[in-house]
Amino acid sequence: MTQSELYHTLALMQVEGVGDVIAKKLIQYCGNAQEVFASKKSQLQKIDGIGSVVIKNLQDKSVFAKAETELQFIAKENISTTYFQDENYPERLKHCYDSPVLMFQAGNIDIQNRRIISIVGTRQITSYGMEFTRKLIEEIALLNPIIVSGFAYGVDIYAHQIAMDCGLQTIGVLAHGLNQIYPKTHKKYMAKMEQNGGFLTEFWSSSNPDKENFIKRNRIVAGISEATIVVESAEKGGSLVTANLANDYNRDVFAVPGRITDKYSQGCNNLIKTQRANLLSSAADLVYILNWEINSKARKDNNAIQKQLFISLTEEEQLIYDYLQKTGKEMMDIIALECNFPIYRISSILLNMELKGVVRPLPGKMFEVV
C-alpha cells in the first residue's frame, strides 16, 4: 500500500465510531480510505450500517494530525504494515469479519502457505504444562509449523521459548504498540524472536497494555491459526476467551486434560466436557485431527536424527514396535487385535510412532517398522 493509502487508512481508524467492521464496509463501498473521506453524505448514507453519527464524525479533521504522527513513528522505526486487502495479509484472518483493518509487524515474519497453530494458557504454568508444551512442540517440529502466542507470562512465553529452541518461527501478538514491550522482563527474548518470526499488533504507538486490549488481541491469536491449543487454564481465564473465539471462527480447538482436582486444568477439562475442544494427549492427536500430511522430507530428516539418538518409546509403542519387528508388516486392525488395543486408540499410537520415525504407513492400512 502507498504512503497516501496508509495515511488515510490510519486517519479513518481514528474516526470516532469507526471500528474494524465499519471501516471495512466504508472501504469496500468507496474503494479506499481516501475515497471514504471524499465521498458525499448522500453516498455514505447508502451503506448498510453507516449512520448519521459516523458520517458526521468523518468530517473531523483532527484525525489527520494523529495519522501523521503515527506515520512518522512507522517510518522512523522501520515498521512493516499489513492491510486487510493486501496479498500478504494472513489468509485465515481474511475470513474473520472483525479482523483488524491494519496490523503492524516487527521482525522476520513469513506466514504464507504455512501451518500455523496458537498455543495459549494460564500465566501460572505448572511443571505438567511445561512438560506437555515442550514435548508437543518438539514432536511437531519436523512439520515446521509456526507457533503463535501472546508473549505473556506462563504458557505464552514458554511456548515461544521452546519454538525458538526447536528452530521454529514464532509470533507474539501484542496488546500494545511496537514502541514498548510488556511484560518488560520479556524484552530479553525480542531479538531472537525477530530473527525467525517476530511481533504483530493492531495497536498504535500511543496504546498502552490496558486490560481490554488483551481481550481484543485474542481474536488475532484465534483467527490467524488453523488450531488453538489450550495447555492449562483455571475455570476462568483469557485463554478460554481465545478458545471461544476460535470456535466462533470455525477453527479447531484442543485442550490438554488434567486431574479434576488441579486448579489449572479445570478450564481445559470444561472445554472438553462441553465439546468445545478436542482432547489433546499427544502430537499424534493434533496431526490426525488436522489431517496434516507427514511429507517425505520430514520422514527423511526424522530418520537421520533417529540414527544418531536412542528413540524414546512409551510402553504401548514398545509393544507395537516389538510386534511389528516379528511380523514385518501388518494391518492396523490386526495390530490392535494382537496387541489388545481398541481401534480408536491404535490409530493415535501409530501416528505418534510415525512422527517418531519408527513406523511407516503402507497401502491398505498396513504398517511396518522403518
Protein backbone atom coordinates (compact mmCIF):
# COMPACT_ATOMS: atom_id res chain seq x y z
CA MET A 1 0.00 0.00 0.00
CA THR A 2 1.22 3.52 -0.78
CA GLN A 3 2.10 6.13 1.83
CA SER A 4 -1.04 8.05 0.92
CA GLU A 5 -3.22 4.97 1.35
CA LEU A 6 -1.60 4.20 4.69
CA TYR A 7 -2.02 7.80 5.85
CA HIS A 8 -5.73 7.88 5.03
CA THR A 9 -6.31 4.41 6.50
CA LEU A 10 -4.69 5.50 9.75
CA ALA A 11 -6.87 8.60 9.78
CA LEU A 12 -10.02 6.55 9.15
CA MET A 13 -9.23 4.26 12.07
CA GLN A 14 -9.10 7.31 14.36
CA VAL A 15 -12.61 8.47 13.48
CA GLU A 16 -14.87 8.08 16.49
CA GLY A 17 -17.37 5.27 15.98
CA VAL A 18 -15.33 3.59 13.24
CA GLY A 19 -14.00 0.18 14.20
CA ASP A 20 -12.74 -2.62 12.01
CA VAL A 21 -16.17 -3.81 10.86
CA ILE A 22 -17.44 -0.31 9.96
CA ALA A 23 -14.11 0.65 8.35
CA LYS A 24 -14.23 -2.41 6.08
CA LYS A 25 -17.78 -1.54 5.00
CA LEU A 26 -16.74 2.00 4.14
CA ILE A 27 -13.58 0.98 2.28
CA GLN A 28 -15.24 -1.82 0.33
CA TYR A 29 -18.04 0.50 -0.79
CA CYS A 30 -15.89 3.54 -1.59
CA GLY A 31 -12.77 1.76 -2.86
CA ASN A 32 -10.21 3.03 -0.34
CA ALA A 33 -9.90 5.18 2.79
CA GLN A 34 -9.12 8.36 0.84
CA GLU A 35 -12.34 7.98 -1.13
CA VAL A 36 -14.26 7.48 2.12
CA PHE A 37 -13.28 10.97 3.25
CA ALA A 38 -14.01 12.39 -0.21
CA SER A 39 -17.45 10.80 -0.53
CA LYS A 40 -20.59 12.86 -0.22
CA LYS A 41 -23.06 12.37 2.59
CA SER A 42 -25.68 11.06 0.15
CA GLN A 43 -23.31 8.31 -0.99
CA LEU A 44 -22.34 7.24 2.52
CA GLN A 45 -25.99 7.03 3.59
CA LYS A 46 -26.46 4.19 1.08
CA ILE A 47 -24.06 1.95 3.01
CA ASP A 48 -25.80 -0.53 5.28
CA GLY A 49 -24.99 0.07 8.94
CA ILE A 50 -23.48 3.53 8.44
CA GLY A 51 -25.49 6.08 10.42
CA SER A 52 -25.55 9.85 10.65
CA VAL A 53 -23.19 9.95 13.66
CA VAL A 54 -20.37 8.18 11.79
CA ILE A 55 -20.94 10.35 8.71
CA LYS A 56 -20.70 13.47 10.84
CA ASN A 57 -17.54 12.23 12.57
CA LEU A 58 -15.86 11.70 9.21
CA GLN A 59 -15.68 15.50 8.97
CA ASP A 60 -13.34 15.66 11.98
CA LYS A 61 -10.01 16.93 10.60
CA SER A 62 -8.05 16.25 13.79
CA VAL A 63 -7.72 12.58 12.80
CA PHE A 64 -5.22 13.55 10.09
CA ALA A 65 -2.78 15.06 12.59
CA LYS A 66 -2.92 11.82 14.61
CA ALA A 67 -2.35 9.81 11.45
CA GLU A 68 0.67 11.92 10.52
CA THR A 69 2.24 11.38 13.95
CA GLU A 70 1.81 7.61 13.69
CA LEU A 71 3.08 7.61 10.10
CA GLN A 72 6.28 9.30 11.27
CA PHE A 73 6.71 6.67 14.00
CA ILE A 74 6.24 3.84 11.47
CA ALA A 75 8.86 5.34 9.15
CA LYS A 76 11.35 6.08 11.93
CA GLU A 77 11.15 2.57 13.43
CA ASN A 78 11.04 0.82 10.03
CA ILE A 79 7.80 -0.94 10.94
CA SER A 80 6.01 -3.07 8.35
CA THR A 81 2.25 -2.86 7.90
CA THR A 82 -0.22 -5.39 6.58
CA TYR A 83 -3.59 -4.23 5.26
CA PHE A 84 -6.70 -6.43 5.13
CA GLN A 85 -6.83 -6.23 1.32
CA ASP A 86 -3.11 -6.92 0.84
CA GLU A 87 -1.86 -10.21 -0.57
CA ASN A 88 0.42 -10.72 2.45
CA TYR A 89 -2.38 -10.26 4.99
CA PRO A 90 -2.80 -13.52 6.98
CA GLU A 91 -5.11 -15.71 4.90
CA ARG A 92 -7.20 -17.07 7.75
CA LEU A 93 -7.72 -13.63 9.26
CA LYS A 94 -9.24 -12.50 5.96
CA HIS A 95 -12.18 -14.77 6.75
CA CYS A 96 -12.80 -13.23 10.19
CA TYR A 97 -15.38 -10.46 9.87
CA ASP A 98 -13.90 -8.45 12.76
CA SER A 99 -10.20 -8.89 11.96
CA PRO A 100 -8.01 -5.75 12.04
CA VAL A 101 -8.08 -3.46 9.02
CA LEU A 102 -4.41 -2.75 9.60
CA MET A 103 -1.68 -4.50 11.57
CA PHE A 104 1.89 -3.52 12.38
CA GLN A 105 4.71 -6.03 12.50
CA ALA A 106 8.34 -6.22 13.53
CA GLY A 107 10.83 -8.96 12.80
CA ASN A 108 11.07 -11.54 10.03
CA ILE A 109 7.55 -12.91 9.67
CA ASP A 110 6.63 -15.21 6.77
CA ILE A 111 3.26 -16.91 7.15
CA GLN A 112 2.26 -17.53 3.56
CA ASN A 113 1.24 -21.16 2.90
CA ARG A 114 2.39 -22.29 6.32
CA ARG A 115 0.90 -24.42 9.07
CA ILE A 116 0.08 -22.15 11.99
CA ILE A 117 -1.05 -23.14 15.48
CA SER A 118 -1.72 -20.98 18.51
CA ILE A 119 -0.70 -22.18 21.96
CA VAL A 120 -2.23 -20.39 24.95
CA GLY A 121 -2.89 -20.92 28.62
CA THR A 122 -2.54 -19.69 32.15
CA ARG A 123 0.16 -17.28 33.28
CA GLN A 124 0.73 -19.66 36.21
CA ILE A 125 2.10 -22.57 34.17
CA THR A 126 2.84 -25.72 36.17
CA SER A 127 5.54 -28.34 35.62
CA TYR A 128 2.84 -30.51 33.97
CA GLY A 129 2.03 -27.75 31.49
CA MET A 130 5.70 -27.08 30.78
CA GLU A 131 6.45 -30.74 30.13
CA PHE A 132 3.47 -31.14 27.79
CA THR A 133 4.23 -27.93 25.87
CA ARG A 134 7.88 -28.87 25.41
CA LYS A 135 7.10 -32.40 24.24
CA LEU A 136 4.33 -31.26 21.88
CA ILE A 137 6.43 -28.63 20.13
CA GLU A 138 9.47 -30.90 19.89
CA GLU A 139 7.39 -33.66 18.31
CA ILE A 140 5.76 -31.44 15.68
CA ALA A 141 8.97 -29.50 14.93
CA LEU A 142 9.73 -31.70 11.90
CA LEU A 143 6.48 -30.47 10.34
CA ASN A 144 7.79 -26.90 10.67
CA PRO A 145 4.67 -25.13 11.96
CA ILE A 146 4.58 -21.51 13.09
CA ILE A 147 3.85 -21.14 16.80
CA VAL A 148 1.68 -18.16 17.74
CA SER A 149 1.02 -16.92 21.25
CA GLY A 150 0.55 -13.73 23.26
CA PHE A 151 4.07 -13.17 24.69
CA ALA A 152 2.60 -13.06 28.21
CA TYR A 153 3.84 -14.84 31.32
CA GLY A 154 3.33 -18.58 31.69
CA VAL A 155 2.26 -20.78 28.80
CA ASP A 156 2.73 -17.99 26.21
CA ILE A 157 6.38 -17.23 26.77
CA TYR A 158 7.24 -20.87 27.39
CA ALA A 159 5.73 -21.85 24.02
CA HIS A 160 7.73 -19.08 22.33
CA GLN A 161 10.93 -20.25 24.03
CA ILE A 162 10.54 -23.91 23.06
CA ALA A 163 9.65 -22.91 19.49
CA MET A 164 12.86 -20.88 19.27
CA ASP A 165 14.86 -23.77 20.76
CA CYS A 166 13.44 -26.02 18.02
CA GLY A 167 14.27 -23.51 15.28
CA LEU A 168 10.61 -22.77 14.54
CA GLN A 169 9.19 -19.43 13.54
CA THR A 170 7.21 -17.95 16.42
CA ILE A 171 4.99 -14.86 16.53
CA GLY A 172 3.95 -12.85 19.56
CA VAL A 173 0.64 -11.00 19.23
CA LEU A 174 0.85 -7.90 21.41
CA ALA A 175 -1.78 -5.89 23.29
CA HIS A 176 0.05 -2.58 22.81
CA GLY A 177 2.09 -0.64 20.25
CA LEU A 178 5.54 -1.60 18.98
CA ASN A 179 7.19 1.27 20.87
CA GLN A 180 7.24 -0.82 24.06
CA ILE A 181 7.15 -4.39 25.32
CA TYR A 182 5.01 -5.95 28.02
CA PRO A 183 5.94 -7.52 30.30
CA LYS A 184 9.28 -5.71 30.42
CA THR A 185 11.08 -8.80 31.70
CA HIS A 186 10.46 -10.46 28.32
CA LYS A 187 12.48 -7.85 26.45
CA LYS A 188 15.44 -10.25 26.53
CA TYR A 189 13.62 -12.60 24.13
CA MET A 190 12.81 -9.98 21.48
CA ALA A 191 15.97 -10.06 19.38
CA LYS A 192 15.94 -13.84 18.97
CA MET A 193 12.24 -13.91 18.12
CA GLU A 194 12.65 -11.22 15.50
CA GLN A 195 15.30 -13.31 13.73
CA ASN A 196 12.75 -16.03 12.94
CA GLY A 197 9.28 -14.64 13.47
CA GLY A 198 8.55 -11.51 15.45
CA PHE A 199 5.61 -9.46 16.65
CA LEU A 200 2.18 -8.49 15.38
CA THR A 201 -0.17 -5.85 16.77
CA GLU A 202 -3.10 -3.73 15.72
CA PHE A 203 -2.35 -1.12 18.37
CA TRP A 204 -0.69 2.24 17.78
CA SER A 205 2.41 3.57 19.49
CA SER A 206 0.10 5.65 21.70
CA SER A 207 -1.59 2.49 23.05
CA ASN A 208 -0.81 1.08 26.48
CA PRO A 209 -1.22 -2.58 27.55
CA ASP A 210 -4.67 -1.96 29.01
CA LYS A 211 -6.85 -4.86 30.14
CA GLU A 212 -9.34 -4.54 27.29
CA ASN A 213 -6.53 -4.69 24.74
CA PHE A 214 -5.58 -8.20 25.83
CA ILE A 215 -9.12 -9.43 25.19
CA LYS A 216 -9.14 -7.69 21.82
CA ARG A 217 -5.81 -9.11 20.67
CA ASN A 218 -7.04 -12.64 21.46
CA ARG A 219 -9.14 -12.61 18.29
CA ILE A 220 -5.92 -12.31 16.25
CA VAL A 221 -4.38 -15.24 18.12
CA ALA A 222 -7.52 -17.31 17.45
CA GLY A 223 -8.12 -16.18 13.89
CA ILE A 224 -4.63 -16.35 12.42
CA SER A 225 -4.13 -20.07 13.04
CA GLU A 226 -5.82 -23.26 11.97
CA ALA A 227 -5.99 -24.51 15.54
CA THR A 228 -5.79 -23.15 19.07
CA ILE A 229 -4.35 -25.28 21.86
CA VAL A 230 -5.17 -24.50 25.49
CA VAL A 231 -2.46 -26.12 27.61
CA GLU A 232 -3.63 -25.11 31.07
CA SER A 233 -6.35 -22.81 32.36
CA ALA A 234 -8.27 -22.16 35.53
CA GLU A 235 -12.06 -22.18 35.41
CA LYS A 236 -11.95 -18.61 34.09
CA GLY A 237 -9.18 -17.02 32.06
CA GLY A 238 -8.16 -15.19 28.92
CA SER A 239 -7.16 -18.38 27.14
CA LEU A 240 -10.76 -19.59 27.38
CA VAL A 241 -11.84 -16.40 25.62
CA THR A 242 -9.36 -17.25 22.87
CA ALA A 243 -10.79 -20.78 22.65
CA ASN A 244 -14.33 -19.43 22.33
CA LEU A 245 -13.24 -17.02 19.60
CA ALA A 246 -11.54 -19.87 17.74
CA ASN A 247 -14.78 -21.84 17.90
CA ASP A 248 -16.69 -18.81 16.60
CA TYR A 249 -14.26 -18.65 13.67
CA ASN A 250 -14.79 -22.38 12.98
CA ARG A 251 -11.22 -23.24 13.90
CA ASP A 252 -10.17 -26.45 15.61
CA VAL A 253 -9.67 -26.12 19.36
CA PHE A 254 -7.66 -28.52 21.52
CA ALA A 255 -7.35 -28.73 25.28
CA VAL A 256 -4.93 -30.71 27.42
CA PRO A 257 -6.81 -32.70 30.08
CA GLY A 258 -5.70 -32.81 33.69
CA ARG A 259 -6.78 -34.09 37.08
CA ILE A 260 -10.15 -32.77 38.22
CA THR A 261 -8.53 -31.53 41.43
CA ASP A 262 -5.93 -29.40 39.62
CA LYS A 263 -6.88 -25.72 39.56
CA TYR A 264 -5.19 -25.03 36.22
CA SER A 265 -6.79 -27.99 34.48
CA GLN A 266 -10.39 -27.02 35.27
CA GLY A 267 -10.76 -24.74 32.27
CA CYS A 268 -9.36 -27.34 29.87
CA ASN A 269 -11.48 -30.13 31.34
CA ASN A 270 -14.60 -27.97 30.97
CA LEU A 271 -13.78 -27.24 27.32
CA ILE A 272 -13.52 -30.96 26.63
CA LYS A 273 -16.60 -31.83 28.71
CA THR A 274 -18.77 -29.28 26.88
CA GLN A 275 -17.39 -30.41 23.49
CA ARG A 276 -15.80 -27.04 22.77
CA ALA A 277 -12.37 -28.61 22.38
CA ASN A 278 -10.78 -31.83 21.21
CA LEU A 279 -8.89 -33.76 23.85
CA LEU A 280 -5.16 -33.43 23.20
CA SER A 281 -2.95 -36.12 24.70
CA SER A 282 -0.08 -36.10 22.19
CA ALA A 283 1.20 -34.60 18.96
CA ALA A 284 -0.39 -37.54 17.14
CA ASP A 285 -3.86 -36.29 18.12
CA LEU A 286 -3.10 -32.90 16.56
CA VAL A 287 -1.67 -34.38 13.35
CA TYR A 288 -4.59 -36.78 12.99
CA ILE A 289 -7.42 -34.30 13.57
CA LEU A 290 -5.86 -31.54 11.45
CA ASN A 291 -5.08 -34.13 8.77
CA TRP A 292 -1.50 -32.94 8.45
CA GLU A 293 0.44 -34.98 5.95
CA ILE A 294 3.84 -36.15 7.13
CA ASN A 295 5.83 -35.46 3.97
CA SER A 296 8.79 -37.45 2.71
CA LYS A 297 11.30 -34.76 3.72
CA ALA A 298 10.07 -34.81 7.32
CA ARG A 299 10.36 -38.59 7.36
CA LYS A 300 13.85 -38.47 5.86
CA ASP A 301 15.03 -35.82 8.32
CA ASN A 302 13.47 -37.73 11.17
CA ASN A 303 15.16 -40.97 10.17
CA ALA A 304 18.54 -39.23 10.03
CA ILE A 305 18.07 -37.91 13.55
CA GLN A 306 16.92 -41.26 14.89
CA LYS A 307 20.06 -42.95 13.60
CA GLN A 308 22.01 -40.75 15.98
CA LEU A 309 19.72 -40.87 19.02
CA PHE A 310 18.01 -43.57 21.01
CA ILE A 311 14.28 -43.46 20.44
CA SER A 312 12.13 -42.98 23.50
CA LEU A 313 9.02 -45.13 23.19
CA THR A 314 6.12 -45.43 25.58
CA GLU A 315 5.15 -48.85 26.91
CA GLU A 316 2.30 -49.05 24.38
CA GLU A 317 4.54 -48.00 21.49
CA GLN A 318 7.22 -50.52 22.50
CA LEU A 319 4.63 -53.32 22.48
CA ILE A 320 3.56 -52.44 18.94
CA TYR A 321 7.15 -51.97 17.80
CA ASP A 322 8.14 -55.42 19.11
CA TYR A 323 5.12 -57.00 17.42
CA LEU A 324 5.91 -55.41 14.04
CA GLN A 325 9.55 -56.42 14.38
CA LYS A 326 8.34 -60.04 14.44
CA THR A 327 5.66 -59.79 11.74
CA GLY A 328 7.40 -57.38 9.37
CA LYS A 329 4.17 -55.59 8.43
CA GLU A 330 0.54 -55.88 9.43
CA MET A 331 -2.90 -54.29 9.06
CA MET A 332 -3.93 -51.73 11.67
CA ASP A 333 -6.95 -53.80 12.76
CA ILE A 334 -4.79 -56.89 13.29
CA ILE A 335 -2.21 -54.87 15.23
CA ALA A 336 -5.00 -53.64 17.51
CA LEU A 337 -6.33 -57.18 17.98
CA GLU A 338 -2.97 -58.82 18.62
CA CYS A 339 -1.70 -56.06 20.91
CA ASN A 340 -5.03 -55.77 22.72
CA PHE A 341 -5.78 -52.11 21.91
CA PRO A 342 -9.15 -50.60 20.90
CA ILE A 343 -9.23 -49.30 17.31
CA TYR A 344 -9.72 -45.67 18.35
CA ARG A 345 -6.54 -45.88 20.43
CA ILE A 346 -4.32 -47.74 17.95
CA SER A 347 -4.60 -45.03 15.28
CA SER A 348 -3.33 -42.39 17.71
CA ILE A 349 -0.42 -44.55 18.88
CA LEU A 350 0.63 -45.41 15.32
CA LEU A 351 0.54 -41.75 14.30
CA ASN A 352 2.76 -40.88 17.23
CA MET A 353 5.18 -43.65 16.23
CA GLU A 354 5.13 -42.37 12.66
CA LEU A 355 6.10 -38.92 13.93
CA LYS A 356 9.00 -40.51 15.79
CA GLY A 357 10.09 -42.20 12.60
CA VAL A 358 9.86 -45.79 13.86
CA VAL A 359 6.96 -46.99 11.68
CA ARG A 360 5.59 -46.02 8.29
CA PRO A 361 2.13 -46.50 6.74
CA LEU A 362 1.58 -48.69 3.68
CA PRO A 363 -1.41 -49.01 1.32
CA GLY A 364 -4.39 -50.87 2.74
CA LYS A 365 -3.98 -49.60 6.32
CA MET A 366 -0.79 -51.59 6.70
CA PHE A 367 2.17 -50.54 8.86
CA GLU A 368 5.77 -51.67 9.06
CA VAL A 369 8.86 -50.87 11.09
CA VAL A 370 11.22 -48.35 9.48
